[in-house]
Amino acid sequence: MSLLPHASSIRARYTRLVTLLSLVVLVAIGVSVDLVIRSRAEVGVFEESERVAGQWSAAARIGVVPHAIPALTRINLIQLVDRQGRVLSASSAAAGPR
């Protein structure tokens, strides 16, 4: 007696079908989880960037901007530019090598 069912048996067909459906369902779940995680991370970084931008733009309006902007959060690439696009101040990571 063989341990493997014949390729044309109903049991083998059913096993292949269930395996294929399980694979499709697991891939769909994995893709969904990946999209949710990426979306939440993106929203978190965007909100933090908006907060940092608001903080430094308010400081620029009242004229209290240091030459090198300290990066106190995970948002470390900060540049303040004027209306003509000139960089007024930048964080050390955004300024590059001097």
C-alpha atoms as a PDB file:
ATOM      1  CA  MET A   1       0.000   0.000   0.000  1.00  0.00           C
ATOM      2  CA  SER A   2       1.334   3.420  -0.982  1.00  0.00           C
ATOM      3  CA  LEU A   3       1.537   6.213   1.599  1.00  0.00           C
ATOM      4  CA  LEU A   4       0.796   8.899  -1.025  1.00  0.00           C
ATOM      5  CA  PRO A   5      -2.654   8.999  -2.567  1.00  0.00           C
ATOM      6  CA  HIS A   6      -2.886   8.664  -6.313  1.00  0.00           C
ATOM      7  CA  ALA A   7      -2.735  11.954  -8.202  1.00  0.00           C
ATOM      8  CA  SER A   8      -6.177  11.464  -9.667  1.00  0.00           C
ATOM      9  CA  SER A   9      -7.945  10.430  -6.466  1.00  0.00           C
ATOM     10  CA  ILE A  10     -10.594  12.632  -4.899  1.00  0.00           C
ATOM     11  CA  ARG A  11      -8.534  12.920  -1.723  1.00  0.00           C
ATOM     12  CA  ALA A  12      -5.519  14.256  -3.644  1.00  0.00           C
ATOM     13  CA  ARG A  13      -7.646  16.758  -5.567  1.00  0.00           C
ATOM     14  CA  TYR A  14      -9.323  17.927  -2.394  1.00  0.00           C
ATOM     15  CA  THR A  15      -5.966  18.305  -0.649  1.00  0.00           C
ATOM     16  CA  ARG A  16      -4.561  20.369  -3.533  1.00  0.00           C
ATOM     17  CA  LEU A  17      -7.674  22.550  -3.614  1.00  0.00           C
ATOM     18  CA  VAL A  18      -7.614  23.192   0.128  1.00  0.00           C
ATOM     19  CA  THR A  19      -3.881  23.930   0.012  1.00  0.00           C
ATOM     20  CA  LEU A  20      -4.355  26.408  -2.832  1.00  0.00           C
ATOM     21  CA  LEU A  21      -7.283  28.138  -1.111  1.00  0.00           C
ATOM     22  CA  SER A  22      -5.338  28.325   2.158  1.00  0.00           C
ATOM     23  CA  LEU A  23      -2.416  29.886   0.319  1.00  0.00           C
ATOM     24  CA  VAL A  24      -4.660  32.480  -1.323  1.00  0.00           C
ATOM     25  CA  VAL A  25      -6.314  33.368   1.993  1.00  0.00           C
ATOM     26  CA  LEU A  26      -2.987  33.625   3.844  1.00  0.00           C
ATOM     27  CA  VAL A  27      -1.483  35.817   1.119  1.00  0.00           C
ATOM     28  CA  ALA A  28      -4.543  38.098   1.239  1.00  0.00           C
ATOM     29  CA  ILE A  29      -4.272  38.360   5.029  1.00  0.00           C
ATOM     30  CA  GLY A  30      -0.544  39.083   4.803  1.00  0.00           C
ATOM     31  CA  VAL A  31      -1.032  41.808   2.210  1.00  0.00           C
ATOM     32  CA  SER A  32      -3.814  43.381   4.289  1.00  0.00           C
ATOM     33  CA  VAL A  33      -1.703  43.400   7.447  1.00  0.00           C
ATOM     34  CA  ASP A  34       1.234  44.893   5.524  1.00  0.00           C
ATOM     35  CA  LEU A  35      -0.942  47.691   4.113  1.00  0.00           C
ATOM     36  CA  VAL A  36      -2.396  48.533   7.527  1.00  0.00           C
ATOM     37  CA  ILE A  37       1.049  48.659   9.157  1.00  0.00           C
ATOM     38  CA  ARG A  38       2.510  50.811   6.360  1.00  0.00           C
ATOM     39  CA  SER A  39      -0.471  53.155   6.446  1.00  0.00           C
ATOM     40  CA  ARG A  40      -0.267  53.654  10.199  1.00  0.00           C
ATOM     41  CA  ALA A  41       3.484  54.275  10.041  1.00  0.00           C
ATOM     42  CA  GLU A  42       3.031  56.755   7.190  1.00  0.00           C
ATOM     43  CA  VAL A  43       0.286  58.643   9.009  1.00  0.00           C
ATOM     44  CA  GLY A  44       2.382  58.777  12.180  1.00  0.00           C
ATOM     45  CA  VAL A  45       5.424  60.180  10.403  1.00  0.00           C
ATOM     46  CA  PHE A  46       3.290  62.662   8.441  1.00  0.00           C
ATOM     47  CA  GLU A  47       1.591  63.950  11.607  1.00  0.00           C
ATOM     48  CA  GLU A  48       4.928  64.289  13.371  1.00  0.00           C
ATOM     49  CA  SER A  49       6.365  66.127  10.355  1.00  0.00           C
ATOM     50  CA  GLU A  50       3.427  68.528  10.370  1.00  0.00           C
ATOM     51  CA  ARG A  51       3.916  69.177  14.075  1.00  0.00           C
ATOM     52  CA  VAL A  52       7.639  69.881  13.640  1.00  0.00           C
ATOM     53  CA  ALA A  53       6.970  72.107  10.606  1.00  0.00           C
ATOM     54  CA  GLY A  54       4.353  74.065  12.534  1.00  0.00           C
ATOM     55  CA  GLN A  55       6.706  74.497  15.469  1.00  0.00           C
ATOM     56  CA  TRP A  56       9.574  75.841  13.361  1.00  0.00           C
ATOM     57  CA  SER A  57       7.431  77.977  11.077  1.00  0.00           C
ATOM     58  CA  ALA A  58       5.953  79.654  14.154  1.00  0.00           C
ATOM     59  CA  ALA A  59       9.474  80.241  15.477  1.00  0.00           C
ATOM     60  CA  ALA A  60      10.496  81.713  12.101  1.00  0.00           C
ATOM     61  CA  ARG A  61       7.539  84.127  12.114  1.00  0.00           C
ATOM     62  CA  ILE A  62       8.659  85.650  15.382  1.00  0.00           C
ATOM     63  CA  GLY A  63      12.338  85.529  14.355  1.00  0.00           C
ATOM     64  CA  VAL A  64      13.642  83.043  16.914  1.00  0.00           C
ATOM     65  CA  VAL A  65      15.347  80.482  14.657  1.00  0.00           C
ATOM     66  CA  PRO A  66      18.844  79.218  15.483  1.00  0.00           C
ATOM     67  CA  HIS A  67      21.380  78.817  12.675  1.00  0.00           C
ATOM     68  CA  ALA A  68      21.419  75.048  13.168  1.00  0.00           C
ATOM     69  CA  ILE A  69      17.954  73.726  13.949  1.00  0.00           C
ATOM     70  CA  PRO A  70      18.074  70.994  16.604  1.00  0.00           C
ATOM     71  CA  ALA A  71      16.283  67.816  15.568  1.00  0.00           C
ATOM     72  CA  LEU A  72      14.555  66.667  18.744  1.00  0.00           C
ATOM     73  CA  THR A  73      12.349  63.964  17.204  1.00  0.00           C
ATOM     74  CA  ARG A  74      12.839  61.227  14.629  1.00  0.00           C
ATOM     75  CA  ILE A  75      12.187  63.918  11.999  1.00  0.00           C
ATOM     76  CA  ASN A  76      15.779  65.062  11.550  1.00  0.00           C
ATOM     77  CA  LEU A  77      15.729  66.548   8.034  1.00  0.00           C
ATOM     78  CA  ILE A  78      14.452  70.082   8.575  1.00  0.00           C
ATOM     79  CA  GLN A  79      15.000  73.119   6.346  1.00  0.00           C
ATOM     80  CA  LEU A  80      13.433  76.544   6.704  1.00  0.00           C
ATOM     81  CA  VAL A  81      13.211  78.367   3.372  1.00  0.00           C
ATOM     82  CA  ASP A  82      12.053  81.869   2.477  1.00  0.00           C
ATOM     83  CA  ARG A  83       9.593  82.791  -0.253  1.00  0.00           C
ATOM     84  CA  GLN A  84      12.332  82.766  -2.876  1.00  0.00           C
ATOM     85  CA  GLY A  85      13.372  79.223  -1.951  1.00  0.00           C
ATOM     86  CA  ARG A  86      16.602  80.160  -0.143  1.00  0.00           C
ATOM     87  CA  VAL A  87      17.482  78.026   2.862  1.00  0.00           C
ATOM     88  CA  LEU A  88      17.450  80.202   5.970  1.00  0.00           C
ATOM     89  CA  SER A  89      18.289  77.498   8.485  1.00  0.00           C
ATOM     90  CA  ALA A  90      18.579  73.728   8.549  1.00  0.00           C
ATOM     91  CA  SER A  91      19.117  70.850  10.904  1.00  0.00           C
ATOM     92  CA  SER A  92      22.614  69.363  10.903  1.00  0.00           C
ATOM     93  CA  ALA A  93      21.374  66.260   9.032  1.00  0.00           C
ATOM     94  CA  ALA A  94      19.745  68.400   6.319  1.00  0.00           C
ATOM     95  CA  ALA A  95      22.642  70.842   6.050  1.00  0.00           C
ATOM     96  CA  GLY A  96      25.065  68.163   4.903  1.00  0.00           C
ATOM     97  CA  PRO A  97      28.837  68.287   5.246  1.00  0.00           C
ATOM     98  CA  ARG A  98      30.339  71.716   5.780  1.00  0.00           C
END
